[in-house]
């Protein structure tokens, strides 16, 4: 956590809170060592999250309009943009 606080310039309580949320969600593991909390990615939690995301966003289940190139209005600047 100290590295995130130092390199990103974030307040320690904010980083601690968000790491705790990720532990609670099962994406990180934590353990106490010499007065510090050590964090690591939980591979099982990460795999479960990936299955959930890919289950919701499975490209084979998307309608043709949602597929890349399937919607001519998607991802193109509108006329007069930036004015």
Protein backbone atom coordinates (compact mmCIF):
# COMPACT_ATOMS: atom_id res chain seq x y z
CA UNK A 1 0.00 0.00 0.00
CA UNK A 2 2.82 2.39 0.80
CA UNK A 3 4.01 2.18 -2.80
CA UNK A 4 0.58 3.22 -4.11
CA UNK A 5 0.38 6.10 -1.66
CA UNK A 6 3.85 7.34 -2.60
CA UNK A 7 3.82 6.82 -6.37
CA UNK A 8 0.23 7.92 -6.99
CA UNK A 9 0.08 10.66 -4.38
CA UNK A 10 -3.15 9.28 -2.94
CA UNK A 11 -4.16 9.59 0.71
CA UNK A 12 -3.38 6.46 2.73
CA UNK A 13 -6.96 6.07 4.07
CA UNK A 14 -8.33 6.13 0.51
CA UNK A 15 -5.91 3.46 -0.69
CA UNK A 16 -6.57 1.36 2.41
CA UNK A 17 -10.33 1.61 1.89
CA UNK A 18 -10.17 0.55 -1.75
CA UNK A 19 -7.77 -2.32 -1.07
CA UNK A 20 -10.20 -3.47 1.63
CA UNK A 21 -13.06 -3.37 -0.89
CA UNK A 22 -11.00 -5.49 -3.32
CA UNK A 23 -10.22 -7.98 -0.53
CA UNK A 24 -13.91 -8.12 0.34
CA UNK A 25 -14.76 -8.76 -3.31
CA UNK A 26 -12.30 -11.66 -3.38
CA UNK A 27 -9.95 -10.06 -5.92
CA UNK A 28 -7.07 -9.56 -3.46
CA UNK A 29 -5.70 -11.48 -0.50
CA UNK A 30 -4.26 -9.75 2.52
CA UNK A 31 -2.08 -10.83 5.44
CA UNK A 32 -0.47 -9.03 8.35
CA UNK A 33 3.31 -9.11 8.64
CA UNK A 34 5.42 -7.09 11.10
CA UNK A 35 2.68 -4.51 11.60
CA UNK A 36 2.01 -4.09 7.89
CA UNK A 37 -0.77 -5.46 5.71
CA UNK A 38 0.54 -7.20 2.62
CA UNK A 39 -1.71 -7.53 -0.45
CA UNK A 40 -1.60 -9.91 -3.41
CA UNK A 41 -3.90 -10.74 -6.29
CA UNK A 42 -6.14 -13.73 -5.56
CA UNK A 43 -5.99 -15.85 -8.74
CA UNK A 44 -9.27 -17.64 -7.96
CA UNK A 45 -11.08 -14.34 -7.39
CA UNK A 46 -9.64 -12.85 -10.54
CA UNK A 47 -10.68 -15.92 -12.56
CA UNK A 48 -14.22 -15.71 -11.14
CA UNK A 49 -14.43 -12.01 -12.02
CA UNK A 50 -13.24 -12.73 -15.56
CA UNK A 51 -15.87 -15.46 -15.97
CA UNK A 52 -18.56 -13.04 -14.81
CA UNK A 53 -17.43 -10.25 -17.14
CA UNK A 54 -17.11 -12.53 -20.15
CA UNK A 55 -20.46 -14.11 -19.33
CA UNK A 56 -22.12 -10.70 -19.44
CA UNK A 57 -20.12 -9.36 -22.38
CA UNK A 58 -19.86 -12.47 -24.53
CA UNK A 59 -19.32 -11.24 -28.11
CA UNK A 60 -21.23 -14.28 -29.43
CA UNK A 61 -24.33 -13.04 -27.59
CA UNK A 62 -24.17 -9.43 -28.84
CA UNK A 63 -26.61 -8.19 -31.41
CA UNK A 64 -25.09 -7.19 -34.77
CA UNK A 65 -25.57 -3.49 -33.94
CA UNK A 66 -23.39 -3.87 -30.83
CA UNK A 67 -20.51 -5.57 -32.65
CA UNK A 68 -17.54 -3.49 -33.80
CA UNK A 69 -18.36 -2.12 -37.24
CA UNK A 70 -22.01 -3.17 -36.91
CA UNK A 71 -23.30 0.26 -36.00
CA UNK A 72 -22.35 3.06 -38.43
CA UNK A 73 -23.19 5.72 -35.81
CA UNK A 74 -20.83 4.20 -33.25
CA UNK A 75 -17.41 5.64 -32.48
CA UNK A 76 -17.44 8.31 -35.15
CA UNK A 77 -17.31 12.02 -34.41
CA UNK A 78 -20.60 13.74 -35.07
CA UNK A 79 -20.82 16.52 -37.63
CA UNK A 80 -19.71 19.80 -36.12
CA UNK A 81 -17.96 18.22 -33.15
CA UNK A 82 -15.59 20.50 -31.36
CA UNK A 83 -17.38 23.69 -32.27
